[in-house]
Amino acid sequence: MKKYTYSIALSFAGSERELAENIANELKKKGIKVFYDKFEQHELWGKDLHEVLRNIYVRECRYVILFISEQYLKRMWTIFERKQIIDRLVHEHGEACVLPIRIDNFNEEVPGLSNSIAYVSIESNQHDKIIDLVLRKLGKKDYQIDSTEAFYRAVAMLDEYKDGYVAFESIITSL
C-alpha cells in the first residue's frame, strides 16, 4: 500500500474557510495528518504553488475533500485544484480518492466531476458530521465521543424524522 504524506487534503473556496478550518483543526486533534494551507504556510512560502499543490493533490494525500459551493466553482485556485484532482481520478481509474461535500444544498453540476461519484450534503455548521465520516473512511474505529455529545446527536437525528422515530441501527451507526 502506498504511503501518503497526508491522509486528507482540503480543497475549498475562501467562503468555506471557517468550515474547512474547523474540520482541519478537529482532524489534527485526533491525530490525522491534514493538508490545510494555514498548517503549511511556512512550507508553501516562496514556492511555486501550481507545482506544490498539484503534487499534494495528486501524489501526497490519500483523500481530497472538495467543499463544493457556488464560490468553489468560480475561484481561480479552486478551479486549478479541481482540475488536478480530476486528473488524479482519471489516472487512478475512478479510485475513491475524491470526497465531495456539497455545502448548504448547493446542487449544480461540477464541471469534470462525474455525477455518479457519491457525495455528502451538509449545512455549513455541520463539521462534526464530516469529522465522523472522515474517521470512518480512514478506518479509525477506536475514536470516542462523550455520552453528552452522543445524546445530542441522537436527539438531532430524531428531530430530522417527521414520524418521530428512527431505527436503532441508524442511531448506532450515526454516532
Protein backbone atom coordinates (compact mmCIF):
# COMPACT_ATOMS: atom_id res chain seq x y z
CA MET A 1 0.00 0.00 0.00
CA LYS A 2 1.25 3.45 -0.90
CA LYS A 3 2.40 5.69 1.94
CA TYR A 4 0.98 9.19 1.81
CA THR A 5 2.25 12.37 3.45
CA TYR A 6 -1.34 13.38 4.26
CA SER A 7 -4.41 11.29 4.97
CA ILE A 8 -6.67 14.17 3.94
CA ALA A 9 -6.23 17.32 1.85
CA LEU A 10 -8.84 20.07 1.82
CA SER A 11 -9.86 21.98 -1.30
CA PHE A 12 -12.20 24.90 -0.63
CA ALA A 13 -13.11 28.45 -1.60
CA GLY A 14 -12.47 31.30 0.81
CA SER A 15 -16.18 31.42 1.63
CA GLU A 16 -15.81 27.95 3.20
CA ARG A 17 -12.59 28.70 5.10
CA GLU A 18 -14.25 28.67 8.53
CA LEU A 19 -15.79 25.25 7.90
CA ALA A 20 -12.56 23.88 6.43
CA GLU A 21 -10.54 25.25 9.34
CA ASN A 22 -12.87 23.70 11.92
CA ILE A 23 -12.60 20.34 10.19
CA ALA A 24 -8.82 20.61 9.79
CA ASN A 25 -8.34 21.51 13.46
CA GLU A 26 -10.57 18.69 14.71
CA LEU A 27 -8.89 16.10 12.48
CA LYS A 28 -5.47 17.31 13.60
CA LYS A 29 -6.53 16.97 17.26
CA LYS A 30 -7.50 13.37 16.50
CA GLY A 31 -4.06 12.64 15.07
CA ILE A 32 -4.98 12.78 11.38
CA LYS A 33 -2.37 14.32 9.06
CA VAL A 34 -4.26 17.00 7.11
CA PHE A 35 -3.13 19.28 4.34
CA TYR A 36 -4.70 22.62 5.19
CA ASP A 37 -2.94 25.66 3.74
CA LYS A 38 -2.60 27.51 7.05
CA PHE A 39 -0.93 24.48 8.67
CA GLU A 40 1.69 24.50 5.90
CA GLN A 41 2.17 28.24 5.37
CA HIS A 42 5.87 28.03 6.28
CA GLU A 43 6.39 25.22 3.74
CA LEU A 44 4.44 26.96 0.97
CA TRP A 45 6.14 30.32 1.40
CA GLY A 46 8.19 31.22 -1.68
CA LYS A 47 7.32 28.06 -3.64
CA ASP A 48 5.55 27.67 -6.97
CA LEU A 49 2.03 26.90 -5.75
CA HIS A 50 0.95 25.35 -9.05
CA GLU A 51 3.66 22.73 -8.72
CA VAL A 52 3.36 22.18 -4.97
CA LEU A 53 -0.44 21.93 -4.86
CA ARG A 54 -0.56 19.61 -7.87
CA ASN A 55 1.90 17.31 -6.14
CA ILE A 56 -0.11 17.34 -2.91
CA TYR A 57 -3.49 16.70 -4.52
CA VAL A 58 -2.22 14.11 -7.00
CA ARG A 59 0.53 12.24 -5.11
CA GLU A 60 0.82 13.13 -1.43
CA CYS A 61 -2.68 12.66 0.01
CA ARG A 62 -4.89 9.60 0.35
CA TYR A 63 -8.16 11.53 0.06
CA VAL A 64 -9.12 15.01 -1.07
CA ILE A 65 -12.23 16.65 0.35
CA LEU A 66 -13.83 19.13 -2.05
CA PHE A 67 -16.07 21.70 -0.37
CA ILE A 68 -18.41 22.34 -3.28
CA SER A 69 -20.29 25.63 -3.35
CA GLU A 70 -21.08 28.36 -5.85
CA GLN A 71 -17.80 30.10 -4.96
CA TYR A 72 -15.84 26.84 -5.31
CA LEU A 73 -16.85 26.65 -8.96
CA LYS A 74 -15.84 30.27 -9.67
CA ARG A 75 -12.47 30.83 -7.97
CA MET A 76 -9.22 30.55 -9.92
CA TRP A 77 -7.39 28.42 -7.34
CA THR A 78 -10.25 26.05 -6.72
CA ILE A 79 -10.67 25.55 -10.47
CA PHE A 80 -6.95 24.73 -10.67
CA GLU A 81 -7.18 22.36 -7.68
CA ARG A 82 -10.29 20.66 -9.06
CA LYS A 83 -8.56 20.04 -12.41
CA GLN A 84 -5.61 18.39 -10.63
CA ILE A 85 -7.95 16.25 -8.57
CA ILE A 86 -9.95 15.17 -11.63
CA ASP A 87 -6.69 14.27 -13.41
CA ARG A 88 -5.90 12.04 -10.46
CA LEU A 89 -9.33 10.39 -10.70
CA VAL A 90 -8.69 9.61 -14.36
CA HIS A 91 -5.18 8.31 -13.66
CA GLU A 92 -6.39 6.12 -10.80
CA HIS A 93 -9.35 4.79 -12.84
CA GLY A 94 -12.00 6.25 -10.56
CA GLU A 95 -10.42 5.06 -7.31
CA ALA A 96 -12.28 6.63 -4.38
CA CYS A 97 -9.77 9.38 -3.64
CA VAL A 98 -12.19 12.31 -4.01
CA LEU A 99 -14.67 13.01 -1.23
CA PRO A 100 -17.04 15.74 -2.44
CA ILE A 101 -19.14 17.68 0.05
CA ARG A 102 -21.96 19.89 -1.19
CA ILE A 103 -22.38 22.89 1.10
CA ASP A 104 -25.76 24.42 2.05
CA ASN A 105 -27.82 22.45 -0.51
CA PHE A 106 -25.66 23.53 -3.45
CA ASN A 107 -26.61 21.16 -6.25
CA GLU A 108 -25.19 22.50 -9.52
CA GLU A 109 -23.13 20.24 -11.72
CA VAL A 110 -19.39 20.31 -11.05
CA PRO A 111 -17.51 20.55 -14.35
CA GLY A 112 -15.36 17.48 -14.91
CA LEU A 113 -16.62 15.60 -11.86
CA SER A 114 -18.83 12.63 -12.64
CA ASN A 115 -22.38 12.80 -11.30
CA SER A 116 -22.02 9.15 -10.31
CA ILE A 117 -19.50 9.95 -7.55
CA ALA A 118 -21.22 9.76 -4.17
CA TYR A 119 -21.15 12.98 -2.20
CA VAL A 120 -22.26 14.23 1.21
CA SER A 121 -24.52 17.24 1.57
CA ILE A 122 -24.20 19.33 4.72
CA GLU A 123 -25.05 22.71 6.12
CA SER A 124 -22.01 24.90 6.77
CA ASN A 125 -22.37 24.41 10.53
CA GLN A 126 -22.23 20.58 10.45
CA HIS A 127 -18.49 20.00 10.66
CA ASP A 128 -18.98 17.22 13.27
CA LYS A 129 -20.74 15.11 10.66
CA ILE A 130 -17.73 15.38 8.34
CA ILE A 131 -15.30 14.54 11.16
CA ASP A 132 -17.24 11.34 11.87
CA LEU A 133 -17.33 10.36 8.20
CA VAL A 134 -13.61 11.04 7.69
CA LEU A 135 -12.65 8.99 10.74
CA ARG A 136 -14.77 6.11 9.50
CA LYS A 137 -13.35 6.42 5.97
CA LEU A 138 -9.85 6.19 7.42
CA GLY A 139 -10.84 3.14 9.46
CA LYS A 140 -10.45 4.88 12.82
CA LYS A 141 -12.96 2.82 14.75
CA ASP A 142 -11.44 3.43 18.16
CA TYR A 143 -12.23 7.15 18.39
CA GLN A 144 -14.76 8.06 21.02
CA ILE A 145 -17.30 10.75 21.66
CA ASP A 146 -18.63 11.51 25.11
CA SER A 147 -22.14 10.49 26.18
CA THR A 148 -23.45 14.08 26.20
CA GLU A 149 -22.38 14.58 22.59
CA ALA A 150 -23.89 11.20 21.65
CA PHE A 151 -27.18 12.15 23.30
CA TYR A 152 -27.42 15.48 21.45
CA ARG A 153 -26.58 13.82 18.14
CA ALA A 154 -29.30 11.24 18.71
CA VAL A 155 -31.83 13.97 19.57
CA ALA A 156 -30.82 15.89 16.43
CA MET A 157 -31.33 12.76 14.33
CA LEU A 158 -34.76 12.22 15.82
CA ASP A 159 -35.69 15.81 15.02
CA GLU A 160 -34.87 15.13 11.35
CA TYR A 161 -37.56 12.47 11.06
CA LYS A 162 -41.17 13.57 10.69
CA ASP A 163 -42.69 10.44 12.20
CA GLY A 164 -40.73 10.83 15.45
CA TYR A 165 -38.67 7.66 15.39
CA VAL A 166 -35.59 6.24 13.74
CA ALA A 167 -34.32 2.67 13.64
CA PHE A 168 -31.97 1.76 16.48
CA GLU A 169 -29.33 0.61 13.95
CA SER A 170 -29.33 4.07 12.38
CA ILE A 171 -28.60 5.76 15.68
CA ILE A 172 -25.74 3.40 16.47
CA THR A 173 -24.12 3.78 13.04
CA SER A 174 -24.54 7.55 13.11
CA LEU A 175 -22.79 8.26 16.40
